Amino acid sequence: MKQEKYKARNRLGTGAMYHMMMLPGILFLLVFSYIPMVGVITAFQDYVPAKGMFGSEFVGLKHFIYMFKLPDIGQVISNTLVIAIAKILLGTLMAIIFSILLNEIRFKFVKKSVQTIVYLPHFLSWVVLASVVVNMFSLDGSVNQILAFFGLENINFLGSNTWFQPLIIGTDVWKEFGYSSIVYLAAITSIDPGLYEAAGMDGASWWRKVWHITLPGMLPIILLMGVMSLTNILSAGFDQIYNLYNPVVYESGDILDTYVYRIGLVGRQYSFGTAVGLFKSVIGIVLLLSANELAKKYTDRKIF
């Protein structure tokens, strides 16, 4: 009996230690994520900084109704969806192709070198990478110099509403596809090597092995990652676009995040900016719950 009590007390002590280790993370979430959520109340007020949240007048859904009456809100939502969906589709496709090709490299040194080079952009912020992109794609940048060498006209990539979205999507795929491929590479390594040997003995080509063994083996991870990415469908990348766009390309480059920043902070319309941000968050929660159900239905795995 005493021994059982000692074991139970020992388990309680171990559990308490693990719970104490969670305490810094919980405090971080409370201070920086949950307490600031009180500020969403300003979306339903005509917020005046001098009066504060508890002294400003409540106006109900006034700012939400005003948001949907704005002539450019449709363009902003359209830009957000187009850029976010293109980033998800092209980024996933490039990561899958890269992981398959990388898995074919047999020399470890070459494989590690390629991985390091491709993963590197993920760890650099857009503040740094934006200067690289501007130097490459400006009117006198290296890309336009190459075009001029072949006798082609210069393209104003950073000042053209036709080219700005492809530039944003392409540079984001370049930055992230290497790091995203880690998950798919892990999925490939979990496939039974005996399947490839059996297919080789039957005379299957490399492409047949990829189509009938590699891709079906990766399918559950592809579906899971694709479904989870739905939650980011309204997050088209504030830091990237903020560091690259200018008033000339607002028509094609302004997304919900940059719109909230311009209207809410720069324009000092705090209540309206909060209303737009809250609208985006509600849509994100709906997509997150839908993604969770889709993940359970098609991959038998749940996010939470």
C-alpha atoms as a PDB file:
ATOM      1  CA  MET A   1       0.000   0.000   0.000  1.00  0.00           C
ATOM      2  CA  LYS A   2       2.797   2.404   0.925  1.00  0.00           C
ATOM      3  CA  GLN A   3       4.625   1.494  -2.257  1.00  0.00           C
ATOM      4  CA  GLU A   4       1.535   2.335  -4.390  1.00  0.00           C
ATOM      5  CA  LYS A   5       1.163   5.689  -2.619  1.00  0.00           C
ATOM      6  CA  TYR A   6       4.847   6.407  -3.253  1.00  0.00           C
ATOM      7  CA  LYS A   7       4.443   5.569  -6.972  1.00  0.00           C
ATOM      8  CA  ALA A   8       1.322   7.775  -7.260  1.00  0.00           C
ATOM      9  CA  ARG A   9       3.132  10.656  -5.526  1.00  0.00           C
ATOM     10  CA  ASN A  10       6.128  10.165  -7.809  1.00  0.00           C
ATOM     11  CA  ARG A  11       3.883  10.287 -10.907  1.00  0.00           C
ATOM     12  CA  LEU A  12       2.218  13.460  -9.583  1.00  0.00           C
ATOM     13  CA  GLY A  13       5.621  15.067  -9.071  1.00  0.00           C
ATOM     14  CA  THR A  14       6.752  14.167 -12.602  1.00  0.00           C
ATOM     15  CA  GLY A  15       3.498  15.504 -14.064  1.00  0.00           C
ATOM     16  CA  ALA A  16       3.825  18.754 -12.107  1.00  0.00           C
ATOM     17  CA  MET A  17       7.324  19.210 -13.479  1.00  0.00           C
ATOM     18  CA  TYR A  18       6.077  18.829 -17.071  1.00  0.00           C
ATOM     19  CA  HIS A  19       3.202  21.242 -16.398  1.00  0.00           C
ATOM     20  CA  MET A  20       5.675  23.786 -15.026  1.00  0.00           C
ATOM     21  CA  MET A  21       7.668  23.482 -18.259  1.00  0.00           C
ATOM     22  CA  MET A  22       4.516  24.519 -20.168  1.00  0.00           C
ATOM     23  CA  LEU A  23       4.079  27.644 -18.032  1.00  0.00           C
ATOM     24  CA  PRO A  24       6.337  30.024 -20.084  1.00  0.00           C
ATOM     25  CA  GLY A  25       4.524  29.074 -23.311  1.00  0.00           C
ATOM     26  CA  ILE A  26       1.111  29.551 -21.701  1.00  0.00           C
ATOM     27  CA  LEU A  27       2.116  32.956 -20.302  1.00  0.00           C
ATOM     28  CA  PHE A  28       3.466  33.976 -23.731  1.00  0.00           C
ATOM     29  CA  LEU A  29       0.137  33.058 -25.356  1.00  0.00           C
ATOM     30  CA  LEU A  30      -1.865  34.887 -22.694  1.00  0.00           C
ATOM     31  CA  VAL A  31       0.165  38.102 -22.883  1.00  0.00           C
ATOM     32  CA  PHE A  32       0.718  38.340 -26.636  1.00  0.00           C
ATOM     33  CA  SER A  33      -2.263  36.453 -28.114  1.00  0.00           C
ATOM     34  CA  TYR A  34      -5.270  36.360 -25.794  1.00  0.00           C
ATOM     35  CA  ILE A  35      -5.124  39.640 -23.827  1.00  0.00           C
ATOM     36  CA  PRO A  36      -4.783  41.749 -27.055  1.00  0.00           C
ATOM     37  CA  MET A  37      -7.991  40.059 -28.314  1.00  0.00           C
ATOM     38  CA  VAL A  38      -9.921  42.404 -26.003  1.00  0.00           C
ATOM     39  CA  GLY A  39      -9.128  45.051 -28.616  1.00  0.00           C
ATOM     40  CA  VAL A  40     -11.621  43.532 -31.108  1.00  0.00           C
ATOM     41  CA  ILE A  41     -14.304  45.432 -29.203  1.00  0.00           C
ATOM     42  CA  THR A  42     -13.146  48.571 -31.073  1.00  0.00           C
ATOM     43  CA  ALA A  43     -14.568  47.047 -34.294  1.00  0.00           C
ATOM     44  CA  PHE A  44     -18.020  47.780 -32.863  1.00  0.00           C
ATOM     45  CA  GLN A  45     -17.186  51.324 -31.694  1.00  0.00           C
ATOM     46  CA  ASP A  46     -16.256  54.714 -33.082  1.00  0.00           C
ATOM     47  CA  TYR A  47     -12.976  54.377 -31.265  1.00  0.00           C
ATOM     48  CA  VAL A  48     -11.333  57.567 -30.002  1.00  0.00           C
ATOM     49  CA  PRO A  49      -7.882  57.021 -28.422  1.00  0.00           C
ATOM     50  CA  ALA A  50      -8.448  59.802 -25.869  1.00  0.00           C
ATOM     51  CA  LYS A  51     -11.644  58.093 -24.590  1.00  0.00           C
ATOM     52  CA  GLY A  52     -10.279  54.559 -24.706  1.00  0.00           C
ATOM     53  CA  MET A  53     -12.143  51.298 -25.345  1.00  0.00           C
ATOM     54  CA  PHE A  54     -14.522  51.776 -22.427  1.00  0.00           C
ATOM     55  CA  GLY A  55     -15.375  55.409 -23.193  1.00  0.00           C
ATOM     56  CA  SER A  56     -15.876  55.287 -26.977  1.00  0.00           C
ATOM     57  CA  GLU A  57     -19.364  55.109 -28.473  1.00  0.00           C
ATOM     58  CA  PHE A  58     -20.771  51.710 -29.542  1.00  0.00           C
ATOM     59  CA  VAL A  59     -22.032  51.716 -33.149  1.00  0.00           C
ATOM     60  CA  GLY A  60     -22.813  48.012 -33.691  1.00  0.00           C
ATOM     61  CA  LEU A  61     -22.069  46.678 -37.191  1.00  0.00           C
ATOM     62  CA  LYS A  62     -21.579  50.112 -38.785  1.00  0.00           C
ATOM     63  CA  HIS A  63     -17.964  49.489 -39.830  1.00  0.00           C
ATOM     64  CA  PHE A  64     -18.713  46.010 -41.230  1.00  0.00           C
ATOM     65  CA  ILE A  65     -21.552  47.415 -43.372  1.00  0.00           C
ATOM     66  CA  TYR A  66     -19.275  50.270 -44.501  1.00  0.00           C
ATOM     67  CA  MET A  67     -16.560  47.735 -45.401  1.00  0.00           C
ATOM     68  CA  PHE A  68     -18.795  45.841 -47.842  1.00  0.00           C
ATOM     69  CA  LYS A  69     -19.963  49.103 -49.458  1.00  0.00           C
ATOM     70  CA  LEU A  70     -16.431  50.230 -50.336  1.00  0.00           C
ATOM     71  CA  PRO A  71     -15.746  50.026 -54.090  1.00  0.00           C
ATOM     72  CA  ASP A  72     -12.231  48.561 -53.678  1.00  0.00           C
ATOM     73  CA  ILE A  73     -12.966  45.882 -51.020  1.00  0.00           C
ATOM     74  CA  GLY A  74     -13.939  43.366 -53.726  1.00  0.00           C
ATOM     75  CA  GLN A  75     -10.600  43.945 -55.494  1.00  0.00           C
ATOM     76  CA  VAL A  76      -8.699  43.541 -52.212  1.00  0.00           C
ATOM     77  CA  ILE A  77     -10.440  40.227 -51.384  1.00  0.00           C
ATOM     78  CA  SER A  78      -9.903  39.029 -54.975  1.00  0.00           C
ATOM     79  CA  ASN A  79      -6.172  39.890 -54.807  1.00  0.00           C
ATOM     80  CA  THR A  80      -5.881  38.078 -51.470  1.00  0.00           C
ATOM     81  CA  LEU A  81      -7.539  34.897 -52.772  1.00  0.00           C
ATOM     82  CA  VAL A  82      -5.663  34.831 -56.107  1.00  0.00           C
ATOM     83  CA  ILE A  83      -2.236  35.361 -54.528  1.00  0.00           C
ATOM     84  CA  ALA A  84      -2.832  32.962 -51.607  1.00  0.00           C
ATOM     85  CA  ILE A  85      -4.298  30.126 -53.739  1.00  0.00           C
ATOM     86  CA  ALA A  86      -1.539  30.442 -56.371  1.00  0.00           C
ATOM     87  CA  LYS A  87       1.125  30.344 -53.659  1.00  0.00           C
ATOM     88  CA  ILE A  88      -0.416  27.193 -52.120  1.00  0.00           C
ATOM     89  CA  LEU A  89      -0.836  25.334 -55.449  1.00  0.00           C
ATOM     90  CA  LEU A  90       2.515  26.231 -57.025  1.00  0.00           C
ATOM     91  CA  GLY A  91       4.405  25.941 -53.734  1.00  0.00           C
ATOM     92  CA  THR A  92       3.019  22.447 -53.089  1.00  0.00           C
ATOM     93  CA  LEU A  93       3.690  21.321 -56.682  1.00  0.00           C
ATOM     94  CA  MET A  94       7.284  22.584 -56.631  1.00  0.00           C
ATOM     95  CA  ALA A  95       7.949  21.002 -53.222  1.00  0.00           C
ATOM     96  CA  ILE A  96       6.660  17.599 -54.441  1.00  0.00           C
ATOM     97  CA  ILE A  97       8.728  17.700 -57.659  1.00  0.00           C
ATOM     98  CA  PHE A  98      11.856  18.842 -55.803  1.00  0.00           C
ATOM     99  CA  SER A  99      11.540  16.140 -53.117  1.00  0.00           C
ATOM    100  CA  ILE A 100      11.166  13.412 -55.774  1.00  0.00           C
ATOM    101  CA  LEU A 101      14.197  14.644 -57.723  1.00  0.00           C
ATOM    102  CA  LEU A 102      16.267  15.169 -54.569  1.00  0.00           C
ATOM    103  CA  ASN A 103      15.536  11.608 -53.475  1.00  0.00           C
ATOM    104  CA  GLU A 104      17.170  10.367 -56.696  1.00  0.00           C
ATOM    105  CA  ILE A 105      20.558  11.917 -55.823  1.00  0.00           C
ATOM    106  CA  ARG A 106      22.819   9.148 -54.523  1.00  0.00           C
ATOM    107  CA  PHE A 107      25.887  11.217 -53.536  1.00  0.00           C
ATOM    108  CA  LYS A 108      25.350  12.404 -49.946  1.00  0.00           C
ATOM    109  CA  PHE A 109      27.629  15.446 -50.266  1.00  0.00           C
ATOM    110  CA  VAL A 110      25.791  16.692 -53.361  1.00  0.00           C
ATOM    111  CA  LYS A 111      22.416  15.966 -51.745  1.00  0.00           C
ATOM    112  CA  LYS A 112      23.290  17.848 -48.548  1.00  0.00           C
ATOM    113  CA  SER A 113      24.737  20.773 -50.519  1.00  0.00           C
ATOM    114  CA  VAL A 114      21.605  21.103 -52.670  1.00  0.00           C
ATOM    115  CA  GLN A 115      19.373  20.894 -49.581  1.00  0.00           C
ATOM    116  CA  THR A 116      21.343  23.614 -47.773  1.00  0.00           C
ATOM    117  CA  ILE A 117      21.246  25.979 -50.759  1.00  0.00           C
ATOM    118  CA  VAL A 118      17.518  25.486 -51.340  1.00  0.00           C
ATOM    119  CA  TYR A 119      16.517  25.672 -47.665  1.00  0.00           C
ATOM    120  CA  LEU A 120      18.499  28.891 -47.028  1.00  0.00           C
ATOM    121  CA  PRO A 121      15.959  31.474 -48.365  1.00  0.00           C
ATOM    122  CA  HIS A 122      13.335  30.209 -45.888  1.00  0.00           C
ATOM    123  CA  PHE A 123      15.436  31.455 -42.967  1.00  0.00           C
ATOM    124  CA  LEU A 124      15.876  34.967 -44.389  1.00  0.00           C
ATOM    125  CA  SER A 125      13.219  37.599 -43.710  1.00  0.00           C
ATOM    126  CA  TRP A 126      11.442  39.479 -46.485  1.00  0.00           C
ATOM    127  CA  VAL A 127      13.151  42.654 -45.284  1.00  0.00           C
ATOM    128  CA  VAL A 128      16.413  41.144 -46.553  1.00  0.00           C
ATOM    129  CA  LEU A 129      15.035  39.264 -49.554  1.00  0.00           C
ATOM    130  CA  ALA A 130      13.006  42.258 -50.769  1.00  0.00           C
ATOM    131  CA  SER A 131      16.228  44.159 -51.467  1.00  0.00           C
ATOM    132  CA  VAL A 132      17.488  41.180 -53.497  1.00  0.00           C
ATOM    133  CA  VAL A 133      14.228  41.017 -55.477  1.00  0.00           C
ATOM    134  CA  VAL A 134      14.226  44.780 -56.100  1.00  0.00           C
ATOM    135  CA  ASN A 135      17.833  44.688 -57.355  1.00  0.00           C
ATOM    136  CA  MET A 136      17.047  41.771 -59.681  1.00  0.00           C
ATOM    137  CA  PHE A 137      13.714  42.968 -61.092  1.00  0.00           C
ATOM    138  CA  SER A 138      14.081  46.768 -61.181  1.00  0.00           C
ATOM    139  CA  LEU A 139      14.312  48.520 -64.561  1.00  0.00           C
ATOM    140  CA  ASP A 140      18.127  48.428 -64.470  1.00  0.00           C
ATOM    141  CA  GLY A 141      18.284  45.061 -62.656  1.00  0.00           C
ATOM    142  CA  SER A 142      19.933  41.855 -63.816  1.00  0.00           C
ATOM    143  CA  VAL A 143      16.719  40.364 -65.271  1.00  0.00           C
ATOM    144  CA  ASN A 144      16.114  43.380 -67.527  1.00  0.00           C
ATOM    145  CA  GLN A 145      19.793  43.379 -68.529  1.00  0.00           C
ATOM    146  CA  ILE A 146      19.388  39.765 -69.682  1.00  0.00           C
ATOM    147  CA  LEU A 147      16.228  40.708 -71.607  1.00  0.00           C
ATOM    148  CA  ALA A 148      18.100  43.598 -73.247  1.00  0.00           C
ATOM    149  CA  PHE A 149      20.957  41.225 -74.211  1.00  0.00           C
ATOM    150  CA  PHE A 150      18.462  39.152 -76.231  1.00  0.00           C
ATOM    151  CA  GLY A 151      16.969  42.284 -77.809  1.00  0.00           C
ATOM    152  CA  LEU A 152      13.762  42.266 -75.733  1.00  0.00           C
ATOM    153  CA  GLU A 153      12.075  45.304 -74.170  1.00  0.00           C
ATOM    154  CA  ASN A 154      12.549  46.079 -70.489  1.00  0.00           C
ATOM    155  CA  ILE A 155       9.689  45.173 -68.145  1.00  0.00           C
ATOM    156  CA  ASN A 156       8.719  47.245 -65.119  1.00  0.00           C
ATOM    157  CA  PHE A 157       8.010  44.239 -62.866  1.00  0.00           C
ATOM    158  CA  LEU A 158       7.601  46.330 -59.686  1.00  0.00           C
ATOM    159  CA  GLY A 159       5.437  49.005 -61.292  1.00  0.00           C
ATOM    160  CA  SER A 160       3.140  46.948 -63.519  1.00  0.00           C
ATOM    161  CA  ASN A 161      -0.234  45.610 -62.405  1.00  0.00           C
ATOM    162  CA  THR A 162       0.188  42.820 -64.981  1.00  0.00           C
ATOM    163  CA  TRP A 163       3.529  41.564 -63.668  1.00  0.00           C
ATOM    164  CA  PHE A 164       3.332  42.321 -59.947  1.00  0.00           C
ATOM    165  CA  GLN A 165       1.197  39.321 -58.910  1.00  0.00           C
ATOM    166  CA  PRO A 166       3.321  36.771 -60.863  1.00  0.00           C
ATOM    167  CA  LEU A 167       6.417  38.345 -59.278  1.00  0.00           C
ATOM    168  CA  ILE A 168       4.958  38.027 -55.766  1.00  0.00           C
ATOM    169  CA  ILE A 169       3.856  34.414 -56.324  1.00  0.00           C
ATOM    170  CA  GLY A 170       7.106  33.342 -58.010  1.00  0.00           C
ATOM    171  CA  THR A 171       9.417  34.831 -55.383  1.00  0.00           C
ATOM    172  CA  ASP A 172       7.374  33.303 -52.537  1.00  0.00           C
ATOM    173  CA  VAL A 173       7.536  29.855 -54.166  1.00  0.00           C
ATOM    174  CA  TRP A 174      11.319  30.281 -54.597  1.00  0.00           C
ATOM    175  CA  LYS A 175      11.682  31.174 -50.899  1.00  0.00           C
ATOM    176  CA  GLU A 176       9.557  28.384 -49.424  1.00  0.00           C
ATOM    177  CA  PHE A 177       9.475  25.320 -51.708  1.00  0.00           C
ATOM    178  CA  GLY A 178      12.764  23.891 -50.404  1.00  0.00           C
ATOM    179  CA  TYR A 179      11.749  24.005 -46.751  1.00  0.00           C
ATOM    180  CA  SER A 180       8.253  22.662 -47.564  1.00  0.00           C
ATOM    181  CA  SER A 181       9.824  19.673 -49.335  1.00  0.00           C
ATOM    182  CA  ILE A 182      11.137  18.297 -45.998  1.00  0.00           C
ATOM    183  CA  VAL A 183       7.736  16.768 -45.200  1.00  0.00           C
ATOM    184  CA  TYR A 184       7.400  15.173 -48.640  1.00  0.00           C
ATOM    185  CA  LEU A 185      10.978  13.867 -48.537  1.00  0.00           C
ATOM    186  CA  ALA A 186      10.191  12.179 -45.211  1.00  0.00           C
ATOM    187  CA  ALA A 187       7.092  10.598 -46.791  1.00  0.00           C
ATOM    188  CA  ILE A 188       9.203   9.196 -49.659  1.00  0.00           C
ATOM    189  CA  THR A 189      11.759   7.644 -47.306  1.00  0.00           C
ATOM    190  CA  SER A 190       8.948   5.786 -45.493  1.00  0.00           C
ATOM    191  CA  ILE A 191       7.947   3.913 -48.691  1.00  0.00           C
ATOM    192  CA  ASP A 192       8.987   0.234 -48.720  1.00  0.00           C
ATOM    193  CA  PRO A 193      12.137  -0.105 -50.951  1.00  0.00           C
ATOM    194  CA  GLY A 194      10.962  -3.624 -51.864  1.00  0.00           C
ATOM    195  CA  LEU A 195       8.221  -2.088 -54.020  1.00  0.00           C
ATOM    196  CA  TYR A 196      10.849  -0.345 -56.187  1.00  0.00           C
ATOM    197  CA  GLU A 197      12.910  -3.546 -56.477  1.00  0.00           C
ATOM    198  CA  ALA A 198       9.850  -5.552 -57.530  1.00  0.00           C
ATOM    199  CA  ALA A 199       8.876  -2.880 -60.069  1.00  0.00           C
ATOM    200  CA  GLY A 200      12.450  -2.831 -61.425  1.00  0.00           C
ATOM    201  CA  MET A 201      12.393  -6.617 -61.891  1.00  0.00           C
ATOM    202  CA  ASP A 202       9.162  -6.222 -63.885  1.00  0.00           C
ATOM    203  CA  GLY A 203      10.917  -3.689 -66.162  1.00  0.00           C
ATOM    204  CA  ALA A 204       9.211  -0.538 -64.887  1.00  0.00           C
ATOM    205  CA  SER A 205      10.837   2.746 -65.936  1.00  0.00           C
ATOM    206  CA  TRP A 206      11.731   5.569 -63.501  1.00  0.00           C
ATOM    207  CA  TRP A 207       8.603   7.474 -64.430  1.00  0.00           C
ATOM    208  CA  ARG A 208       6.386   4.373 -63.881  1.00  0.00           C
ATOM    209  CA  LYS A 209       7.916   3.888 -60.413  1.00  0.00           C
ATOM    210  CA  VAL A 210       7.235   7.528 -59.540  1.00  0.00           C
ATOM    211  CA  TRP A 211       3.650   7.403 -60.861  1.00  0.00           C
ATOM    212  CA  HIS A 212       2.618   4.042 -59.379  1.00  0.00           C
ATOM    213  CA  ILE A 213       4.712   3.869 -56.163  1.00  0.00           C
ATOM    214  CA  THR A 214       6.132   7.251 -55.060  1.00  0.00           C
ATOM    215  CA  LEU A 215       3.097   9.464 -55.644  1.00  0.00           C
ATOM    216  CA  PRO A 216       0.554   7.021 -54.106  1.00  0.00           C
ATOM    217  CA  GLY A 217       2.891   6.647 -51.109  1.00  0.00           C
ATOM    218  CA  MET A 218       3.010  10.450 -50.700  1.00  0.00           C
ATOM    219  CA  LEU A 219      -0.731  10.952 -51.267  1.00  0.00           C
ATOM    220  CA  PRO A 220      -1.883  10.984 -47.574  1.00  0.00           C
ATOM    221  CA  ILE A 221       0.743  13.645 -46.694  1.00  0.00           C
ATOM    222  CA  ILE A 222      -0.077  15.677 -49.831  1.00  0.00           C
ATOM    223  CA  LEU A 223      -3.784  15.675 -48.930  1.00  0.00           C
ATOM    224  CA  LEU A 224      -3.113  16.499 -45.275  1.00  0.00           C
ATOM    225  CA  MET A 225      -0.757  19.396 -46.096  1.00  0.00           C
ATOM    226  CA  GLY A 226      -3.109  20.666 -48.817  1.00  0.00           C
ATOM    227  CA  VAL A 227      -6.103  20.647 -46.488  1.00  0.00           C
ATOM    228  CA  MET A 228      -4.155  22.331 -43.674  1.00  0.00           C
ATOM    229  CA  SER A 229      -2.989  25.064 -46.058  1.00  0.00           C
ATOM    230  CA  LEU A 230      -6.648  26.080 -46.554  1.00  0.00           C
ATOM    231  CA  THR A 231      -6.407  27.866 -43.210  1.00  0.00           C
ATOM    232  CA  ASN A 232      -3.904  30.311 -44.770  1.00  0.00           C
ATOM    233  CA  ILE A 233      -6.074  31.128 -47.748  1.00  0.00           C
ATOM    234  CA  LEU A 234      -6.677  34.694 -46.496  1.00  0.00           C
ATOM    235  CA  SER A 235      -3.038  35.185 -45.454  1.00  0.00           C
ATOM    236  CA  ALA A 236      -1.286  36.130 -48.671  1.00  0.00           C
ATOM    237  CA  GLY A 237       1.906  37.388 -46.978  1.00  0.00           C
ATOM    238  CA  PHE A 238       1.878  40.867 -45.429  1.00  0.00           C
ATOM    239  CA  ASP A 239       5.640  41.227 -44.925  1.00  0.00           C
ATOM    240  CA  GLN A 240       6.478  40.207 -48.505  1.00  0.00           C
ATOM    241  CA  ILE A 241       3.979  42.515 -50.195  1.00  0.00           C
ATOM    242  CA  TYR A 242       4.557  45.422 -47.783  1.00  0.00           C
ATOM    243  CA  ASN A 243       8.271  45.369 -48.599  1.00  0.00           C
ATOM    244  CA  LEU A 244       7.752  45.145 -52.376  1.00  0.00           C
ATOM    245  CA  TYR A 245       4.637  47.071 -53.364  1.00  0.00           C
ATOM    246  CA  ASN A 246       4.007  50.764 -53.998  1.00  0.00           C
ATOM    247  CA  PRO A 247       0.924  52.940 -54.759  1.00  0.00           C
ATOM    248  CA  VAL A 248       1.214  52.197 -58.501  1.00  0.00           C
ATOM    249  CA  VAL A 249       0.415  48.478 -57.943  1.00  0.00           C
ATOM    250  CA  TYR A 250      -2.242  48.807 -55.216  1.00  0.00           C
ATOM    251  CA  GLU A 251      -4.793  47.590 -57.767  1.00  0.00           C
ATOM    252  CA  SER A 252      -3.117  44.161 -58.115  1.00  0.00           C
ATOM    253  CA  GLY A 253      -1.042  43.933 -54.927  1.00  0.00           C
ATOM    254  CA  ASP A 254      -3.213  45.225 -52.106  1.00  0.00           C
ATOM    255  CA  ILE A 255      -4.367  42.326 -49.883  1.00  0.00           C
ATOM    256  CA  LEU A 256      -6.471  42.292 -46.701  1.00  0.00           C
ATOM    257  CA  ASP A 257      -3.439  42.557 -44.393  1.00  0.00           C
ATOM    258  CA  THR A 258      -1.878  45.532 -46.186  1.00  0.00           C
ATOM    259  CA  TYR A 259      -5.329  47.118 -46.568  1.00  0.00           C
ATOM    260  CA  VAL A 260      -5.898  46.901 -42.800  1.00  0.00           C
ATOM    261  CA  TYR A 261      -2.470  48.438 -42.208  1.00  0.00           C
ATOM    262  CA  ARG A 262      -3.029  51.316 -44.627  1.00  0.00           C
ATOM    263  CA  ILE A 263      -6.574  52.110 -43.528  1.00  0.00           C
ATOM    264  CA  GLY A 264      -6.331  51.244 -39.841  1.00  0.00           C
ATOM    265  CA  LEU A 265      -2.898  52.501 -38.810  1.00  0.00           C
ATOM    266  CA  VAL A 266      -1.703  54.892 -41.523  1.00  0.00           C
ATOM    267  CA  GLY A 267      -5.226  56.313 -42.098  1.00  0.00           C
ATOM    268  CA  ARG A 268      -5.962  56.304 -38.329  1.00  0.00           C
ATOM    269  CA  GLN A 269      -9.344  54.588 -38.866  1.00  0.00           C
ATOM    270  CA  TYR A 270      -8.724  52.193 -36.003  1.00  0.00           C
ATOM    271  CA  SER A 271     -12.272  50.835 -35.713  1.00  0.00           C
ATOM    272  CA  PHE A 272     -12.602  50.198 -39.441  1.00  0.00           C
ATOM    273  CA  GLY A 273      -9.189  48.527 -39.611  1.00  0.00           C
ATOM    274  CA  THR A 274     -10.144  46.276 -36.690  1.00  0.00           C
ATOM    275  CA  ALA A 275     -13.444  45.373 -38.390  1.00  0.00           C
ATOM    276  CA  VAL A 276     -11.606  44.267 -41.553  1.00  0.00           C
ATOM    277  CA  GLY A 277      -9.101  42.269 -39.479  1.00  0.00           C
ATOM    278  CA  LEU A 278     -11.910  40.628 -37.473  1.00  0.00           C
ATOM    279  CA  PHE A 279     -13.712  39.689 -40.698  1.00  0.00           C
ATOM    280  CA  LYS A 280     -10.530  37.974 -41.923  1.00  0.00           C
ATOM    281  CA  SER A 281     -10.115  36.123 -38.612  1.00  0.00           C
ATOM    282  CA  VAL A 282     -13.706  34.813 -38.645  1.00  0.00           C
ATOM    283  CA  ILE A 283     -13.275  33.500 -42.209  1.00  0.00           C
ATOM    284  CA  GLY A 284      -9.981  31.912 -41.111  1.00  0.00           C
ATOM    285  CA  ILE A 285     -11.693  30.081 -38.203  1.00  0.00           C
ATOM    286  CA  VAL A 286     -14.416  28.767 -40.537  1.00  0.00           C
ATOM    287  CA  LEU A 287     -11.761  27.519 -42.975  1.00  0.00           C
ATOM    288  CA  LEU A 288      -9.769  25.961 -40.125  1.00  0.00           C
ATOM    289  CA  LEU A 289     -12.793  23.969 -38.893  1.00  0.00           C
ATOM    290  CA  SER A 290     -13.645  22.943 -42.474  1.00  0.00           C
ATOM    291  CA  ALA A 291     -10.036  21.869 -43.079  1.00  0.00           C
ATOM    292  CA  ASN A 292     -10.114  19.804 -39.904  1.00  0.00           C
ATOM    293  CA  GLU A 293     -13.206  17.918 -41.080  1.00  0.00           C
ATOM    294  CA  LEU A 294     -11.780  17.444 -44.599  1.00  0.00           C
ATOM    295  CA  ALA A 295      -8.514  16.109 -43.156  1.00  0.00           C
ATOM    296  CA  LYS A 296     -10.457  13.581 -41.068  1.00  0.00           C
ATOM    297  CA  LYS A 297     -12.621  12.555 -44.026  1.00  0.00           C
ATOM    298  CA  TYR A 298      -9.896  12.095 -46.652  1.00  0.00           C
ATOM    299  CA  THR A 299      -6.761  11.222 -44.640  1.00  0.00           C
ATOM    300  CA  ASP A 300      -8.184   9.898 -41.346  1.00  0.00           C
ATOM    301  CA  ARG A 301      -6.020  12.453 -39.520  1.00  0.00           C
ATOM    302  CA  LYS A 302      -7.246  15.446 -37.538  1.00  0.00           C
ATOM    303  CA  ILE A 303      -5.444  18.722 -36.883  1.00  0.00           C
ATOM    304  CA  PHE A 304      -6.982  18.918 -33.377  1.00  0.00           C
END
